[in-house]
N, C-alpha and C. Protein backbone atom coordinates (compact mmCIF):
# COMPACT_ATOMS: atom_id res chain seq x y z
N MET A 1 -25.58 20.27 -25.91
CA MET A 1 -24.64 20.61 -24.82
C MET A 1 -23.88 21.98 -24.77
N ASP A 2 -23.75 22.67 -23.66
CA ASP A 2 -22.87 23.96 -24.21
C ASP A 2 -21.55 23.55 -23.97
N GLU A 3 -20.50 24.46 -24.50
CA GLU A 3 -19.17 24.59 -24.29
C GLU A 3 -18.53 23.99 -22.89
N ILE A 4 -19.13 24.83 -22.03
CA ILE A 4 -18.60 24.50 -20.56
C ILE A 4 -18.85 23.17 -20.05
N SER A 5 -20.12 22.71 -20.34
CA SER A 5 -20.61 21.07 -20.08
C SER A 5 -19.62 20.36 -21.02
N GLU A 6 -19.29 20.35 -22.10
CA GLU A 6 -18.49 19.65 -22.92
C GLU A 6 -17.08 19.64 -22.44
N ILE A 7 -16.53 20.65 -21.94
CA ILE A 7 -15.27 20.58 -21.23
C ILE A 7 -15.25 19.62 -20.12
N ILE A 8 -15.93 20.04 -18.97
CA ILE A 8 -16.39 19.05 -17.78
C ILE A 8 -16.46 17.81 -18.23
N ALA A 9 -17.19 17.30 -19.37
CA ALA A 9 -17.40 15.89 -19.61
C ALA A 9 -16.10 15.36 -20.30
N SER A 10 -15.35 16.22 -20.90
CA SER A 10 -14.17 15.50 -21.67
C SER A 10 -13.17 15.49 -20.30
N LEU A 11 -12.86 16.46 -19.72
CA LEU A 11 -12.18 16.40 -18.45
C LEU A 11 -12.48 15.02 -17.61
N ARG A 12 -13.90 14.81 -17.26
CA ARG A 12 -14.38 13.72 -16.52
C ARG A 12 -13.76 12.39 -17.34
N GLU A 13 -13.96 12.34 -18.41
CA GLU A 13 -13.79 11.21 -19.33
C GLU A 13 -12.21 10.96 -19.44
N LEU A 14 -11.45 11.99 -19.51
CA LEU A 14 -10.04 12.13 -19.53
C LEU A 14 -9.44 11.44 -18.13
N LYS A 15 -9.83 11.81 -17.12
CA LYS A 15 -9.76 11.77 -15.71
C LYS A 15 -10.12 10.03 -15.41
N ARG A 16 -11.17 9.54 -15.95
CA ARG A 16 -11.59 8.42 -16.05
C ARG A 16 -10.73 7.16 -16.58
N VAL A 17 -10.11 7.63 -17.69
CA VAL A 17 -9.25 6.71 -18.62
C VAL A 17 -8.04 6.68 -17.95
N PHE A 18 -7.22 7.95 -17.47
CA PHE A 18 -6.25 7.90 -16.94
C PHE A 18 -6.01 7.01 -15.55
N PHE A 19 -6.96 7.05 -14.68
CA PHE A 19 -7.09 6.21 -13.56
C PHE A 19 -7.31 4.65 -13.86
N ARG A 20 -8.05 4.74 -14.78
CA ARG A 20 -8.32 2.99 -15.32
C ARG A 20 -6.50 2.50 -15.87
N LEU A 21 -6.15 3.19 -16.30
CA LEU A 21 -4.66 3.06 -17.04
C LEU A 21 -3.68 2.55 -16.13
N MET A 22 -3.82 3.83 -14.92
CA MET A 22 -2.90 4.00 -13.96
C MET A 22 -3.00 2.64 -13.17
N GLN A 23 -4.22 2.27 -12.79
CA GLN A 23 -4.86 1.21 -12.12
C GLN A 23 -3.98 -0.04 -12.62
N GLN A 24 -3.99 -0.30 -13.90
CA GLN A 24 -3.60 -1.47 -14.81
C GLN A 24 -2.03 -1.38 -14.49
N ASP A 25 -1.39 -0.30 -14.68
CA ASP A 25 0.01 -0.45 -14.56
C ASP A 25 0.45 -0.69 -13.06
N ALA A 26 -0.44 0.09 -12.21
CA ALA A 26 -0.07 -0.48 -10.45
C ALA A 26 -0.07 -1.78 -10.49
N GLU A 27 -1.18 -2.30 -10.87
CA GLU A 27 -1.52 -3.81 -10.51
C GLU A 27 -0.26 -4.85 -11.32
N ALA A 28 0.07 -4.17 -12.49
CA ALA A 28 1.12 -4.94 -13.30
C ALA A 28 2.47 -4.94 -12.47
N VAL A 29 2.82 -3.99 -11.74
CA VAL A 29 3.87 -4.13 -10.74
C VAL A 29 3.73 -4.37 -9.28
N GLY A 30 2.60 -5.16 -8.99
CA GLY A 30 2.19 -5.75 -7.66
C GLY A 30 1.71 -4.62 -6.51
N ILE A 31 1.31 -3.46 -7.09
CA ILE A 31 0.61 -2.49 -6.21
C ILE A 31 -0.70 -1.95 -6.67
N THR A 32 -1.18 -1.14 -5.70
CA THR A 32 -2.70 -0.73 -6.07
C THR A 32 -2.34 0.84 -6.81
N GLY A 33 -3.27 1.15 -7.50
CA GLY A 33 -3.23 2.41 -8.04
C GLY A 33 -3.22 3.50 -6.89
N LEU A 34 -3.78 3.28 -5.77
CA LEU A 34 -3.64 4.45 -4.64
C LEU A 34 -1.87 4.38 -4.28
N GLN A 35 -1.57 3.22 -4.01
CA GLN A 35 0.07 3.10 -3.64
C GLN A 35 0.82 3.96 -4.71
N LEU A 36 0.33 3.65 -5.83
CA LEU A 36 1.39 4.07 -7.08
C LEU A 36 1.14 5.67 -6.98
N MET A 37 -0.01 6.36 -6.74
CA MET A 37 -0.19 7.64 -6.81
C MET A 37 0.47 8.22 -5.59
N VAL A 38 0.64 7.39 -4.47
CA VAL A 38 1.33 8.00 -3.27
C VAL A 38 3.11 8.05 -3.53
N ILE A 39 3.19 7.06 -4.16
CA ILE A 39 4.92 6.90 -4.33
C ILE A 39 5.36 7.87 -5.77
N ARG A 40 4.18 8.06 -6.41
CA ARG A 40 4.61 9.22 -7.38
C ARG A 40 4.66 10.56 -6.78
N THR A 41 3.77 10.88 -5.75
CA THR A 41 3.73 11.89 -5.04
C THR A 41 5.00 12.05 -4.18
N LEU A 42 5.39 11.08 -3.80
CA LEU A 42 6.72 11.24 -2.75
C LEU A 42 8.00 11.47 -3.78
N ALA A 43 7.80 10.82 -4.73
CA ALA A 43 8.88 11.39 -5.64
C ALA A 43 9.03 12.57 -5.93
N HIS A 44 8.27 13.38 -6.13
CA HIS A 44 8.01 15.07 -6.52
C HIS A 44 8.14 15.78 -5.00
N HIS A 45 8.04 15.44 -4.07
CA HIS A 45 7.84 15.89 -2.70
C HIS A 45 8.59 15.01 -1.70
N GLU A 46 9.84 14.84 -1.72
CA GLU A 46 10.71 14.37 -0.75
C GLU A 46 10.45 14.82 0.58
N ASN A 47 10.65 13.95 1.65
CA ASN A 47 10.76 14.43 3.27
C ASN A 47 9.46 15.40 3.84
N ILE A 48 8.18 14.76 3.12
CA ILE A 48 7.10 15.67 3.66
C ILE A 48 6.46 14.57 4.58
N THR A 49 5.72 15.25 5.43
CA THR A 49 5.09 14.56 6.80
C THR A 49 3.77 14.13 6.29
N LEU A 50 3.18 12.99 6.91
CA LEU A 50 2.18 12.53 6.41
C LEU A 50 0.73 13.15 6.07
N ASN A 51 0.59 14.35 7.08
CA ASN A 51 -0.28 15.32 6.82
C ASN A 51 0.01 15.95 5.60
N GLU A 52 0.92 16.29 5.22
CA GLU A 52 1.16 17.07 3.86
C GLU A 52 1.01 16.30 2.71
N LEU A 53 1.33 15.07 2.89
CA LEU A 53 1.20 13.74 2.21
C LEU A 53 -0.29 14.02 1.55
N ALA A 54 -1.17 13.83 2.61
CA ALA A 54 -2.60 13.44 2.65
C ALA A 54 -3.15 14.86 1.86
N GLU A 55 -2.63 15.84 2.26
CA GLU A 55 -3.15 17.03 1.71
C GLU A 55 -2.95 17.41 -0.02
N LYS A 56 -1.58 16.78 -0.13
CA LYS A 56 -1.04 16.71 -1.64
C LYS A 56 -1.88 15.75 -2.55
N THR A 57 -2.68 14.62 -1.92
CA THR A 57 -3.17 13.54 -2.57
C THR A 57 -4.63 13.75 -2.32
N GLN A 58 -4.94 14.39 -1.67
CA GLN A 58 -6.61 14.99 -1.21
C GLN A 58 -7.30 13.74 -0.63
N LEU A 59 -6.24 13.29 0.06
CA LEU A 59 -6.77 12.14 1.08
C LEU A 59 -7.02 12.27 2.53
N THR A 60 -7.72 11.74 3.16
CA THR A 60 -7.52 11.98 4.68
C THR A 60 -6.39 11.24 5.22
N ALA A 61 -5.80 11.96 6.26
CA ALA A 61 -4.87 11.55 7.13
C ALA A 61 -4.95 10.04 7.49
N SER A 62 -6.12 9.77 8.15
CA SER A 62 -6.37 8.08 8.59
C SER A 62 -6.36 7.21 7.03
N THR A 63 -6.78 7.62 6.15
CA THR A 63 -6.65 6.71 4.65
C THR A 63 -5.20 6.65 4.44
N MET A 64 -4.40 7.77 4.52
CA MET A 64 -3.12 7.99 4.22
C MET A 64 -2.25 7.03 4.97
N SER A 65 -2.51 7.12 6.31
CA SER A 65 -1.54 6.22 7.37
C SER A 65 -1.75 4.92 7.13
N GLY A 66 -2.87 4.12 6.79
CA GLY A 66 -2.58 2.95 6.24
C GLY A 66 -2.05 2.68 5.22
N VAL A 67 -2.12 3.46 3.95
CA VAL A 67 -1.30 3.18 2.62
C VAL A 67 0.01 3.25 2.88
N VAL A 68 0.35 4.29 3.63
CA VAL A 68 1.83 4.45 4.18
C VAL A 68 2.48 3.40 5.05
N ASP A 69 1.75 2.73 5.86
CA ASP A 69 2.18 1.52 6.82
C ASP A 69 2.40 0.64 5.78
N ARG A 70 1.46 0.36 4.74
CA ARG A 70 1.71 -0.67 3.87
C ARG A 70 3.12 -0.66 3.30
N LEU A 71 3.28 0.63 2.52
CA LEU A 71 4.37 0.90 1.68
C LEU A 71 5.63 0.93 2.45
N VAL A 72 5.69 1.36 3.68
CA VAL A 72 7.01 1.15 4.61
C VAL A 72 7.25 -0.64 4.72
N LYS A 73 6.18 -1.15 5.05
CA LYS A 73 6.11 -2.59 5.26
C LYS A 73 6.90 -3.29 3.97
N ALA A 74 6.42 -2.75 2.76
CA ALA A 74 6.88 -3.43 1.48
C ALA A 74 8.12 -2.88 1.29
N GLY A 75 8.60 -1.79 2.14
CA GLY A 75 10.20 -1.54 1.64
C GLY A 75 10.06 -0.23 0.60
N LEU A 76 9.01 0.36 0.20
CA LEU A 76 8.91 1.17 -0.93
C LEU A 76 8.98 2.88 -0.21
N VAL A 77 8.67 2.81 0.84
CA VAL A 77 8.86 4.22 1.47
C VAL A 77 9.54 3.94 2.64
N GLY A 78 10.24 4.86 3.37
CA GLY A 78 10.93 4.91 4.62
C GLY A 78 10.13 6.31 5.09
N ARG A 79 10.39 6.04 6.74
CA ARG A 79 9.92 7.08 7.95
C ARG A 79 11.38 7.42 8.41
N GLU A 80 11.48 8.71 8.58
CA GLU A 80 12.78 9.15 9.70
C GLU A 80 12.06 10.39 10.23
N ARG A 81 12.84 10.38 11.47
CA ARG A 81 12.82 11.93 11.98
C ARG A 81 13.07 13.01 11.17
N SER A 82 12.44 14.20 11.44
CA SER A 82 12.78 15.40 10.75
C SER A 82 14.12 15.94 11.14
N GLU A 83 14.81 16.41 10.62
CA GLU A 83 16.21 17.01 10.90
C GLU A 83 15.70 18.48 11.59
N HIS A 84 14.53 19.00 11.22
CA HIS A 84 14.20 20.24 11.74
C HIS A 84 13.22 20.27 12.91
N ASP A 85 12.60 19.19 13.09
CA ASP A 85 11.61 19.11 14.15
C ASP A 85 11.46 17.74 14.38
N ARG A 86 12.65 17.19 15.70
CA ARG A 86 12.81 15.93 15.92
C ARG A 86 11.55 14.95 16.41
N ARG A 87 10.56 15.76 16.67
CA ARG A 87 9.09 15.22 16.96
C ARG A 87 8.50 14.72 15.79
N ALA A 88 8.72 15.44 14.61
CA ALA A 88 8.05 15.15 13.06
C ALA A 88 8.78 13.83 12.51
N LEU A 89 7.73 13.08 12.06
CA LEU A 89 8.35 11.98 11.01
C LEU A 89 8.00 12.38 9.35
N VAL A 90 9.04 12.24 8.64
CA VAL A 90 8.91 12.54 7.33
C VAL A 90 9.08 11.61 6.68
N LEU A 91 8.40 11.42 5.35
CA LEU A 91 8.46 10.25 4.69
C LEU A 91 9.40 10.54 3.25
N HIS A 92 9.84 9.44 2.68
CA HIS A 92 10.53 9.38 1.54
C HIS A 92 10.59 8.31 0.92
N LEU A 93 11.02 8.18 -0.46
CA LEU A 93 10.88 7.29 -1.27
C LEU A 93 12.26 6.30 -1.05
N THR A 94 12.22 5.09 -0.91
CA THR A 94 13.33 4.36 -0.96
C THR A 94 13.94 3.97 -2.41
N ASP A 95 15.01 3.51 -2.36
CA ASP A 95 15.38 3.05 -3.97
C ASP A 95 14.62 2.03 -4.48
N ALA A 96 14.04 1.15 -3.83
CA ALA A 96 12.85 0.05 -4.32
C ALA A 96 11.73 0.88 -4.75
N GLY A 97 11.38 1.86 -3.89
CA GLY A 97 9.98 2.42 -4.44
C GLY A 97 10.34 3.42 -5.63
N ARG A 98 11.61 4.04 -6.06
CA ARG A 98 12.16 4.46 -7.19
C ARG A 98 11.95 3.55 -8.15
N GLU A 99 12.45 2.19 -8.07
CA GLU A 99 12.52 1.18 -9.26
C GLU A 99 10.99 0.78 -9.50
N LYS A 100 10.11 0.93 -8.50
CA LYS A 100 8.84 0.45 -8.78
C LYS A 100 7.85 1.33 -9.38
N LEU A 101 8.22 2.71 -9.05
CA LEU A 101 7.74 3.85 -9.89
C LEU A 101 8.38 4.02 -11.23
N GLY A 102 9.32 3.85 -11.48
CA GLY A 102 9.90 3.65 -12.81
C GLY A 102 9.54 2.45 -13.69
N ASP A 103 9.18 1.24 -12.92
CA ASP A 103 8.66 0.30 -13.65
C ASP A 103 7.16 0.52 -14.02
N ALA A 104 6.43 1.26 -13.17
CA ALA A 104 4.82 1.28 -13.49
C ALA A 104 4.54 2.36 -14.42
N PHE A 105 5.51 3.42 -14.50
CA PHE A 105 5.51 4.67 -15.16
C PHE A 105 6.32 4.58 -16.77
N GLY A 106 7.11 3.69 -16.51
CA GLY A 106 8.05 3.60 -17.72
C GLY A 106 7.84 3.04 -18.93
N PRO A 107 8.24 2.68 -20.06
CA PRO A 107 8.11 2.52 -21.56
C PRO A 107 7.45 1.27 -21.33
N LEU A 108 7.47 0.45 -20.36
CA LEU A 108 6.40 -0.83 -20.65
C LEU A 108 5.32 -0.67 -20.16
N SER A 109 5.00 0.46 -19.19
CA SER A 109 3.32 0.81 -18.93
C SER A 109 2.51 1.05 -20.11
N THR A 110 0.94 0.53 -19.63
CA THR A 110 -0.06 0.50 -20.84
C THR A 110 0.04 2.03 -21.13
N PHE A 111 -0.11 2.82 -20.10
CA PHE A 111 -0.20 4.32 -20.32
C PHE A 111 0.89 5.02 -21.20
N TRP A 112 2.33 4.53 -20.82
CA TRP A 112 3.15 4.91 -21.75
C TRP A 112 3.22 4.70 -23.11
N ARG A 113 2.85 3.40 -23.23
CA ARG A 113 2.71 2.70 -24.61
C ARG A 113 1.79 3.18 -25.28
N ARG A 114 0.58 3.48 -24.84
CA ARG A 114 -0.53 4.13 -25.64
C ARG A 114 -0.30 5.75 -26.30
N LEU A 115 0.22 6.29 -25.36
CA LEU A 115 0.83 7.63 -25.56
C LEU A 115 1.67 7.62 -26.74
N GLU A 116 2.96 6.77 -26.51
CA GLU A 116 3.77 6.62 -27.41
C GLU A 116 3.37 6.40 -28.83
N ALA A 117 2.36 5.28 -28.82
CA ALA A 117 1.84 4.93 -30.10
C ALA A 117 1.10 5.94 -30.69
N GLY A 118 0.31 6.55 -30.11
CA GLY A 118 -0.84 7.63 -30.63
C GLY A 118 0.10 9.22 -30.83
N ARG A 119 1.38 9.41 -30.54
CA ARG A 119 1.83 10.15 -30.44
C ARG A 119 2.05 10.87 -32.16
N HIS A 120 2.31 10.22 -33.02
CA HIS A 120 2.29 10.24 -34.33
C HIS A 120 1.08 11.42 -34.63
N ARG A 121 -0.08 11.10 -33.83
CA ARG A 121 -1.29 11.74 -34.35
C ARG A 121 -1.48 13.36 -34.19
N LEU A 122 -0.08 13.69 -33.24
CA LEU A 122 -0.06 15.01 -32.64
C LEU A 122 1.32 15.68 -33.13
N SER A 123 1.15 16.71 -33.83
CA SER A 123 2.51 17.60 -34.27
C SER A 123 2.98 18.27 -32.89
N GLU A 124 4.18 18.67 -33.01
CA GLU A 124 4.97 19.21 -31.89
C GLU A 124 4.14 20.42 -31.38
N GLN A 125 3.68 21.31 -32.61
CA GLN A 125 2.92 22.56 -32.01
C GLN A 125 1.48 21.87 -31.62
N ASP A 126 1.01 21.02 -31.90
CA ASP A 126 -0.17 20.27 -31.16
C ASP A 126 -0.03 20.03 -29.60
N ILE A 127 1.01 19.54 -29.30
CA ILE A 127 1.62 19.25 -27.92
C ILE A 127 2.02 20.32 -27.23
N ARG A 128 2.50 21.39 -28.01
CA ARG A 128 2.77 22.55 -27.04
C ARG A 128 1.63 23.45 -26.60
N GLU A 129 0.60 23.28 -27.81
CA GLU A 129 -0.58 23.79 -27.29
C GLU A 129 -1.54 23.27 -26.35
N LEU A 130 -1.56 21.96 -26.41
CA LEU A 130 -2.26 21.09 -25.43
C LEU A 130 -1.83 21.68 -24.01
N LEU A 131 -0.29 21.73 -23.99
CA LEU A 131 0.39 21.90 -22.72
C LEU A 131 -0.07 23.20 -22.34
N ARG A 132 -0.12 24.27 -23.32
CA ARG A 132 -0.37 25.58 -22.81
C ARG A 132 -1.79 25.68 -22.46
N LEU A 133 -2.89 24.91 -23.03
CA LEU A 133 -3.90 25.22 -22.86
C LEU A 133 -4.47 24.50 -21.44
N HIS A 134 -3.68 23.44 -21.30
CA HIS A 134 -3.79 22.53 -19.69
C HIS A 134 -3.11 23.54 -18.63
N HIS A 135 -2.32 24.32 -18.94
CA HIS A 135 -1.67 25.36 -17.97
C HIS A 135 -2.71 26.42 -17.60
N GLU A 136 -3.05 26.67 -18.71
CA GLU A 136 -4.15 27.99 -18.77
C GLU A 136 -5.49 27.34 -18.05
N LEU A 137 -5.80 26.53 -18.17
CA LEU A 137 -6.91 25.78 -17.57
C LEU A 137 -6.92 25.63 -15.91
N ILE A 138 -5.61 25.14 -15.75
CA ILE A 138 -5.41 25.07 -14.27
C ILE A 138 -5.37 26.22 -13.57
N THR A 139 -4.82 27.37 -14.19
CA THR A 139 -4.76 28.83 -13.64
C THR A 139 -6.11 29.19 -13.70
N ILE A 140 -6.79 29.16 -14.49
CA ILE A 140 -8.48 29.45 -14.48
C ILE A 140 -9.00 28.90 -13.19
N LEU A 141 -9.11 27.66 -13.00
CA LEU A 141 -9.46 26.91 -12.13
C LEU A 141 -9.19 27.01 -10.69
N THR A 142 -8.03 27.53 -10.55
CA THR A 142 -7.25 27.48 -9.37
C THR A 142 -7.14 29.16 -9.02
N THR A 143 -7.75 29.92 -9.59
CA THR A 143 -7.81 31.17 -9.42
C THR A 143 -8.86 31.93 -8.83
N GLU A 144 -9.13 32.07 -7.54
CA GLU A 144 -10.17 32.66 -6.85
C GLU A 144 -11.14 33.68 -7.67
N GLU A 145 -12.45 33.47 -7.48
CA GLU A 145 -13.12 34.82 -8.19
C GLU A 145 -12.79 36.15 -7.75
N GLY A 146 -12.73 37.01 -8.59
CA GLY A 146 -12.44 38.28 -8.34
C GLY A 146 -11.03 38.65 -8.14
N GLU A 147 -10.22 37.48 -8.27
CA GLU A 147 -8.47 37.86 -8.18
C GLU A 147 -8.25 37.88 -9.37
N THR A 148 -7.31 38.93 -9.74
CA THR A 148 -6.63 38.95 -11.07
C THR A 148 -5.32 38.46 -11.20
N GLU A 149 -4.97 38.10 -12.57
CA GLU A 149 -3.87 37.19 -12.69
C GLU A 149 -2.53 38.00 -12.38
N LYS A 150 -1.48 37.81 -11.84
CA LYS A 150 -0.47 38.59 -11.64
C LYS A 150 0.38 38.63 -12.80
């Protein structure tokens, strides 16, 4: 297997493990993995529209609409008129949504515990290098062919 194939296989496996653990943590706090992904996205992008949220999560607007409806009904997400465009509805995380997110990604989560337990296997330098490489890989993969880095 060539190096590029190994990188792709490694990233695919990392993604699979990440989503499995995220699903476990979501279920532990009484929501789905998809709902957890949505409230996590809203925590980083407050007061966005349904279409913007769908774009950020790479889901269709119709799928997102159903997920958001259930989160609003559960009191985890709020909807209100935009201050800038009274025709538009914007979404925000409620206090209950923030609490649910903290429970799912906090120190009691499986994901957190496993990272914390294995942290001693990585030096500070390893962690900095890992983050640097992740950022570099993201830049490489999001740069159009022929574009030069700024």
